[in-house]
């Protein structure tokens, strides 16, 4: 397993991060323990979760179960000091999580203490804002900028400052070690960086955004930001919610898969993706690779990548995903992949 710096924090994280959003809905606690045991044995030291989890579905009844499972596992294994633990505070819109109100300093304080309790730990290594209060292009909300979805700049940045002050308090109290963003834009990230520098508040260490062979907005302005500001990408959905396994080709929705529960995979599963998936599958077969392994190895190869977040509902899936740590994309294979990217620049 290779390890990368987490921003400028001094922490080193495995380039494969264990995602957890199915634990408590599609996976039991025993299955979560099995996944964590295997991942740790393979050198994974980075686990990502959220107060929202599990998803598919995310309900009031199961909310927080994932953090509880992780806390129980770390307590049972006595390995808290060996794990880089990341979790997230939810943004607005989920009425069963602190009333669904917009995130601010007070809500961060509440969310953090709830997460610490469920995780049975005194500190969190990376604490992230899960999604912005304002409109943004993530979650398939479209590529067009909508000014009506934004408050005035002064109001937005005042909220950022309030959030950073609460996070700064938590750092001083030893409750968190570093802070990150998720589902954020380049502009938003730069505002956080500016405020942190001006007011001596915690610097953003990472951004967790969706990224895969079918969806690559990070290749644009964010890639430059990542390089100059040492804010690496934590890529979620690196297999496009399972589309890049090839299991949905031809309209098939295997029993127990995310698509069998969540119809169109939150807008990802649509006709434009299939020609690209078929092309990538042919390249992988010619190289003697499984498609998901190639897709994950390609994501690992990106110069701005800090960690690729994998998720699995079965041990077979988990073992396949982690095996990508040993696969390197050579020049010829990269050339073939780039040709498909050129043909299908954004397929979901």
Protein backbone atom coordinates (compact mmCIF):
# COMPACT_ATOMS: atom_id res chain seq x y z
CA UNK A 1 0.00 0.00 0.00
CA UNK A 2 1.24 3.47 -0.87
CA UNK A 3 0.65 6.48 1.37
CA UNK A 4 0.16 10.13 0.48
CA UNK A 5 0.36 13.32 2.54
CA UNK A 6 -3.00 14.66 3.70
CA UNK A 7 -2.53 18.27 2.64
CA UNK A 8 -0.06 20.03 4.92
CA UNK A 9 -1.22 18.22 8.06
CA UNK A 10 1.76 15.88 8.40
CA UNK A 11 -0.57 12.87 8.32
CA UNK A 12 0.01 10.10 5.79
CA UNK A 13 -3.04 8.27 4.46
CA UNK A 14 -3.32 5.12 2.40
CA UNK A 15 -4.09 5.92 -1.23
CA UNK A 16 -7.10 3.63 -0.92
CA UNK A 17 -9.60 4.84 1.66
CA UNK A 18 -12.36 2.59 2.97
CA UNK A 19 -15.80 4.09 2.37
CA UNK A 20 -18.62 3.08 4.66
CA UNK A 21 -21.97 4.43 3.47
CA UNK A 22 -23.69 1.04 3.14
CA UNK A 23 -23.02 -0.06 6.71
CA UNK A 24 -26.29 -0.05 8.61
CA UNK A 25 -28.53 -0.41 5.56
CA UNK A 26 -27.08 -2.84 3.02
CA UNK A 27 -24.45 -4.22 5.41
CA UNK A 28 -24.71 -5.49 8.98
CA UNK A 29 -22.30 -4.63 11.78
CA UNK A 30 -20.65 -8.06 11.45
CA UNK A 31 -20.08 -7.44 7.75
CA UNK A 32 -18.68 -3.98 8.49
CA UNK A 33 -16.24 -5.53 10.98
CA UNK A 34 -15.15 -8.07 8.35
CA UNK A 35 -14.53 -5.31 5.80
CA UNK A 36 -12.52 -3.20 8.24
CA UNK A 37 -10.44 -6.19 9.38
CA UNK A 38 -9.57 -7.11 5.79
CA UNK A 39 -8.82 -3.54 4.73
CA UNK A 40 -6.56 -2.99 7.73
CA UNK A 41 -4.70 -6.23 6.96
CA UNK A 42 -4.13 -4.91 3.43
CA UNK A 43 -2.55 -1.71 4.70
CA UNK A 44 -5.56 0.63 4.58
CA UNK A 45 -5.26 3.13 7.44
CA UNK A 46 -7.88 5.62 6.21
CA UNK A 47 -11.63 5.24 6.89
CA UNK A 48 -14.22 7.76 5.76
CA UNK A 49 -17.74 8.09 7.12
CA UNK A 50 -20.37 10.77 7.85
CA UNK A 51 -23.06 11.56 10.39
CA UNK A 52 -25.57 11.03 7.54
CA UNK A 53 -24.56 7.41 6.88
CA UNK A 54 -25.79 4.89 5.98
CA UNK A 55 -27.40 5.75 2.67
CA UNK A 56 -29.47 3.64 0.25
CA UNK A 57 -31.60 4.48 2.03
CA UNK A 58 -30.72 7.21 4.54
CA UNK A 59 -33.46 7.35 7.17
CA UNK A 60 -34.08 8.74 10.62
CA UNK A 61 -34.04 5.19 11.96
CA UNK A 62 -30.59 4.20 10.66
CA UNK A 63 -28.86 7.61 10.79
CA UNK A 64 -25.57 7.38 12.70
CA UNK A 65 -25.38 3.58 12.58
CA UNK A 66 -22.24 3.64 10.43
CA UNK A 67 -20.32 5.77 12.91
CA UNK A 68 -21.46 3.46 15.72
CA UNK A 69 -20.15 0.39 13.88
CA UNK A 70 -16.76 2.03 13.34
CA UNK A 71 -16.58 3.11 16.97
CA UNK A 72 -17.43 -0.39 18.15
CA UNK A 73 -14.78 -1.88 15.85
CA UNK A 74 -12.00 0.46 16.98
CA UNK A 75 -12.88 -0.23 20.61
CA UNK A 76 -12.94 -4.00 20.05
CA UNK A 77 -9.64 -4.00 18.14
CA UNK A 78 -7.90 -1.39 20.29
CA UNK A 79 -6.48 0.26 17.18
CA UNK A 80 -7.69 3.86 17.29
CA UNK A 81 -4.11 5.17 17.07
CA UNK A 82 -3.52 3.24 13.85
CA UNK A 83 -6.53 4.66 11.98
CA UNK A 84 -6.85 8.00 10.18
CA UNK A 85 -10.55 8.60 10.75
CA UNK A 86 -12.61 11.01 8.67
CA UNK A 87 -16.24 11.98 9.12
CA UNK A 88 -18.54 14.79 7.95
CA UNK A 89 -21.13 17.23 9.23
CA UNK A 90 -24.27 17.29 7.08
CA UNK A 91 -25.40 20.37 5.22
CA UNK A 92 -29.03 21.50 4.98
CA UNK A 93 -31.97 19.52 3.69
CA UNK A 94 -32.12 16.42 5.90
CA UNK A 95 -34.89 17.13 8.38
CA UNK A 96 -33.97 14.16 10.57
CA UNK A 97 -30.43 15.49 11.11
CA UNK A 98 -30.49 18.48 13.46
CA UNK A 99 -33.71 19.72 11.83
CA UNK A 100 -32.16 20.01 8.36
CA UNK A 101 -31.00 23.59 8.97
CA UNK A 102 -28.05 25.20 7.17
CA UNK A 103 -24.64 24.46 8.62
CA UNK A 104 -23.02 27.10 10.81
CA UNK A 105 -20.67 27.21 13.77
CA UNK A 106 -23.27 26.13 16.31
CA UNK A 107 -24.46 23.24 14.16
CA UNK A 108 -20.87 22.09 13.65
CA UNK A 109 -20.35 22.03 17.44
CA UNK A 110 -23.47 19.88 17.88
CA UNK A 111 -22.67 17.55 14.99
CA UNK A 112 -19.07 17.05 16.11
CA UNK A 113 -20.03 16.06 19.65
CA UNK A 114 -22.68 13.63 18.37
CA UNK A 115 -20.12 12.02 16.03
CA UNK A 116 -17.46 11.75 18.75
CA UNK A 117 -19.97 9.93 20.93
CA UNK A 118 -21.02 7.47 18.26
CA UNK A 119 -17.41 6.86 17.19
CA UNK A 120 -16.33 6.30 20.81
CA UNK A 121 -13.27 8.46 20.37
CA UNK A 122 -11.87 11.69 21.79
CA UNK A 123 -10.78 13.05 18.41
CA UNK A 124 -11.42 12.88 14.67
CA UNK A 125 -8.46 13.12 12.31
CA UNK A 126 -10.27 14.81 9.41
CA UNK A 127 -13.56 16.60 9.96
CA UNK A 128 -15.35 17.66 6.78
CA UNK A 129 -18.28 19.84 5.75
CA UNK A 130 -20.38 17.35 3.75
CA UNK A 131 -22.01 19.79 1.32
CA UNK A 132 -22.44 23.57 1.03
CA UNK A 133 -25.43 25.58 2.19
CA UNK A 134 -25.57 27.33 -1.18
CA UNK A 135 -26.26 25.89 -4.62
CA UNK A 136 -23.45 23.99 -6.37
CA UNK A 137 -22.91 21.64 -9.30
CA UNK A 138 -22.55 18.41 -7.33
CA UNK A 139 -25.25 15.74 -6.83
CA UNK A 140 -26.24 16.08 -10.53
CA UNK A 141 -27.67 19.56 -10.00
CA UNK A 142 -26.60 20.60 -13.48
CA UNK A 143 -23.69 22.49 -14.99
CA UNK A 144 -25.35 25.88 -15.33
CA UNK A 145 -24.60 28.48 -12.68
CA UNK A 146 -27.75 29.68 -10.94
CA UNK A 147 -27.26 33.07 -9.19
CA UNK A 148 -30.69 32.80 -7.57
CA UNK A 149 -29.44 29.85 -5.52
CA UNK A 150 -26.76 31.97 -3.86
CA UNK A 151 -26.88 34.46 -1.04
CA UNK A 152 -24.76 37.63 -1.40
CA UNK A 153 -21.02 36.99 -1.23
CA UNK A 154 -20.66 38.74 2.13
CA UNK A 155 -23.29 36.46 3.65
CA UNK A 156 -21.66 33.34 2.24
CA UNK A 157 -18.17 34.22 3.44
CA UNK A 158 -19.49 35.26 6.87
CA UNK A 159 -20.93 31.77 7.19
CA UNK A 160 -17.61 30.25 6.10
CA UNK A 161 -15.83 32.32 8.76
CA UNK A 162 -18.33 31.21 11.43
CA UNK A 163 -17.81 27.56 10.47
CA UNK A 164 -14.02 27.92 10.49
CA UNK A 165 -14.09 29.54 13.93
CA UNK A 166 -16.03 26.58 15.33
CA UNK A 167 -13.60 24.19 13.67
CA UNK A 168 -10.69 26.19 15.08
CA UNK A 169 -12.13 25.85 18.57
CA UNK A 170 -12.37 22.11 18.05
CA UNK A 171 -8.76 21.90 16.90
CA UNK A 172 -7.59 23.81 19.99
CA UNK A 173 -9.69 21.52 22.19
CA UNK A 174 -8.13 18.44 20.61
CA UNK A 175 -11.41 17.21 19.17
CA UNK A 176 -10.21 17.31 15.56
CA UNK A 177 -6.79 17.34 13.91
CA UNK A 178 -7.60 18.70 10.46
CA UNK A 179 -10.51 20.03 8.44
CA UNK A 180 -11.75 19.33 4.93
CA UNK A 181 -14.52 20.10 2.48
CA UNK A 182 -16.80 17.91 0.42
CA UNK A 183 -18.96 18.62 -2.64
CA UNK A 184 -17.35 22.04 -2.77
CA UNK A 185 -16.28 24.22 -5.68
CA UNK A 186 -12.93 25.80 -6.50
CA UNK A 187 -14.28 29.26 -5.60
CA UNK A 188 -15.67 28.06 -2.28
CA UNK A 189 -12.42 26.31 -1.40
CA UNK A 190 -10.39 29.42 -2.13
CA UNK A 191 -12.65 31.50 0.11
CA UNK A 192 -12.04 29.07 2.98
CA UNK A 193 -8.30 29.24 2.35
CA UNK A 194 -8.33 33.04 2.29
CA UNK A 195 -10.28 33.28 5.55
CA UNK A 196 -8.07 30.74 7.27
CA UNK A 197 -4.94 32.67 6.31
CA UNK A 198 -6.37 36.06 7.26
CA UNK A 199 -7.69 34.99 10.67
CA UNK A 200 -5.31 32.25 11.77
CA UNK A 201 -7.95 29.53 11.44
CA UNK A 202 -7.56 25.88 10.34
CA UNK A 203 -6.39 25.41 6.77
CA UNK A 204 -8.38 23.15 4.47
CA UNK A 205 -6.48 19.88 4.02
CA UNK A 206 -8.54 18.12 1.35
CA UNK A 207 -11.67 18.15 -0.74
CA UNK A 208 -13.90 15.09 -1.14
CA UNK A 209 -15.68 15.28 -4.49
CA UNK A 210 -17.02 12.80 -7.00
CA UNK A 211 -14.47 11.74 -9.61
CA UNK A 212 -14.18 8.82 -12.02
CA UNK A 213 -13.61 7.93 -15.68
CA UNK A 214 -17.12 9.11 -16.54
CA UNK A 215 -17.16 12.32 -14.46
CA UNK A 216 -14.04 14.47 -14.21
CA UNK A 217 -14.74 18.09 -13.24
CA UNK A 218 -11.67 18.04 -10.97
CA UNK A 219 -9.49 17.95 -14.10
CA UNK A 220 -10.33 21.62 -14.71
CA UNK A 221 -9.74 24.52 -12.29
CA UNK A 222 -9.63 22.30 -9.23
CA UNK A 223 -6.54 20.44 -10.49
CA UNK A 224 -4.56 23.69 -10.49
CA UNK A 225 -5.87 24.61 -7.05
CA UNK A 226 -4.92 21.15 -5.71
CA UNK A 227 -1.39 21.53 -7.05
CA UNK A 228 -0.61 25.03 -5.80
CA UNK A 229 -2.47 24.85 -2.48
CA UNK A 230 -1.67 21.24 -1.49
CA UNK A 231 -5.33 20.32 -1.27
CA UNK A 232 -5.59 16.79 -2.59
CA UNK A 233 -8.71 15.09 -3.85
CA UNK A 234 -10.47 12.36 -1.90
CA UNK A 235 -12.41 10.82 -4.77
CA UNK A 236 -15.79 9.38 -3.92
CA UNK A 237 -17.74 7.19 -6.32
CA UNK A 238 -14.58 6.25 -8.28
CA UNK A 239 -16.61 3.46 -9.93
CA UNK A 240 -19.53 5.80 -10.69
CA UNK A 241 -21.82 4.11 -8.15
CA UNK A 242 -20.96 0.72 -9.66
CA UNK A 243 -21.47 1.67 -13.31
CA UNK A 244 -17.74 1.15 -13.98
CA UNK A 245 -17.98 -2.48 -12.92
CA UNK A 246 -20.02 -3.11 -16.06
CA UNK A 247 -22.81 -4.82 -14.13
CA UNK A 248 -25.52 -2.47 -15.43
CA UNK A 249 -24.72 -2.90 -19.14
CA UNK A 250 -27.82 -3.68 -21.18
CA UNK A 251 -30.18 -2.28 -18.57
CA UNK A 252 -29.50 -5.10 -16.10
CA UNK A 253 -30.02 -4.27 -12.42
CA UNK A 254 -28.71 -7.17 -10.32
CA UNK A 255 -30.64 -8.01 -7.16
CA UNK A 256 -29.17 -6.21 -4.15
CA UNK A 257 -27.26 -3.69 -6.26
CA UNK A 258 -27.57 0.04 -5.63
CA UNK A 259 -29.54 0.47 -8.85
CA UNK A 260 -32.06 -2.13 -7.71
CA UNK A 261 -32.68 0.06 -4.65
CA UNK A 262 -32.01 3.54 -6.03
CA UNK A 263 -33.37 3.41 -9.62
CA UNK A 264 -31.10 5.63 -11.71
CA UNK A 265 -28.26 5.95 -9.19
CA UNK A 266 -29.11 9.57 -8.45
CA UNK A 267 -29.10 10.48 -12.14
CA UNK A 268 -25.92 8.64 -13.13
CA UNK A 269 -27.55 5.64 -14.81
CA UNK A 270 -28.67 7.01 -18.17
CA UNK A 271 -28.08 6.09 -21.83
CA UNK A 272 -25.02 8.31 -22.39
CA UNK A 273 -22.84 6.29 -20.03
CA UNK A 274 -23.13 2.86 -21.66
CA UNK A 275 -21.03 3.42 -24.84
CA UNK A 276 -18.20 4.75 -22.69
CA UNK A 277 -18.42 1.85 -20.24
CA UNK A 278 -18.36 -0.65 -23.12
CA UNK A 279 -15.26 1.04 -24.55
CA UNK A 280 -13.46 1.01 -21.19
CA UNK A 281 -14.43 -2.61 -20.62
CA UNK A 282 -12.87 -3.62 -23.96
CA UNK A 283 -9.64 -1.79 -23.10
CA UNK A 284 -9.51 -3.49 -19.69
CA UNK A 285 -10.10 -6.93 -21.21
CA UNK A 286 -7.34 -6.38 -23.75
CA UNK A 287 -5.00 -5.47 -20.88
CA UNK A 288 -6.02 -8.54 -18.88
CA UNK A 289 -7.68 -6.45 -16.17
CA UNK A 290 -11.08 -6.33 -14.57
CA UNK A 291 -12.82 -3.08 -15.50
CA UNK A 292 -13.23 -1.85 -11.88
CA UNK A 293 -9.55 -2.55 -11.16
CA UNK A 294 -8.49 -0.54 -14.21
CA UNK A 295 -10.85 2.30 -13.31
CA UNK A 296 -9.52 2.50 -9.75
CA UNK A 297 -5.89 2.21 -10.84
CA UNK A 298 -6.45 5.06 -13.30
CA UNK A 299 -7.99 7.21 -10.55
CA UNK A 300 -4.99 6.46 -8.29
CA UNK A 301 -2.66 7.66 -11.04
CA UNK A 302 -4.05 11.20 -11.15
CA UNK A 303 -1.49 13.78 -9.95
CA UNK A 304 -3.90 15.49 -7.56
CA UNK A 305 -5.20 12.31 -5.93
CA UNK A 306 -4.70 11.90 -2.19
CA UNK A 307 -6.96 8.85 -1.82
CA UNK A 308 -9.57 6.92 -3.76
CA UNK A 309 -12.57 6.07 -1.58
CA UNK A 310 -13.85 2.57 -2.28
CA UNK A 311 -17.10 1.07 -1.05
CA UNK A 312 -18.40 -2.48 -1.18
CA UNK A 313 -21.39 -4.50 -0.10
CA UNK A 314 -19.59 -7.85 -0.40
CA UNK A 315 -16.14 -9.11 0.48
CA UNK A 316 -15.59 -10.13 -3.13
CA UNK A 317 -16.16 -6.54 -4.23
CA UNK A 318 -13.89 -5.23 -1.50
CA UNK A 319 -11.04 -7.59 -2.39
CA UNK A 320 -11.30 -6.66 -6.07
CA UNK A 321 -11.25 -2.94 -5.27
CA UNK A 322 -8.27 -3.13 -2.90
CA UNK A 323 -6.34 -5.21 -5.43
CA UNK A 324 -6.14 -2.06 -7.57
CA UNK A 325 -3.36 -0.89 -5.25
CA UNK A 326 -0.98 -3.22 -7.08
CA UNK A 327 -1.89 -2.15 -10.63
CA UNK A 328 -0.06 0.62 -12.49
CA UNK A 329 -1.35 2.19 -15.70
CA UNK A 330 1.45 2.03 -18.27
CA UNK A 331 1.94 4.50 -21.14
CA UNK A 332 0.19 2.43 -23.81
CA UNK A 333 -2.81 1.66 -21.62
CA UNK A 334 -3.02 5.31 -20.60
CA UNK A 335 -3.00 6.30 -24.27
CA UNK A 336 -5.98 4.02 -24.95
CA UNK A 337 -7.88 5.35 -21.95
CA UNK A 338 -7.22 8.94 -23.01
CA UNK A 339 -8.67 8.17 -26.45
CA UNK A 340 -11.95 7.07 -24.86
CA UNK A 341 -11.94 10.12 -22.58
CA UNK A 342 -11.56 12.27 -25.70
CA UNK A 343 -14.54 10.53 -27.31
CA UNK A 344 -16.72 10.62 -24.17
CA UNK A 345 -15.49 13.62 -22.15
CA UNK A 346 -18.36 13.55 -19.62
CA UNK A 347 -20.69 10.56 -19.70
CA UNK A 348 -22.77 10.83 -16.53
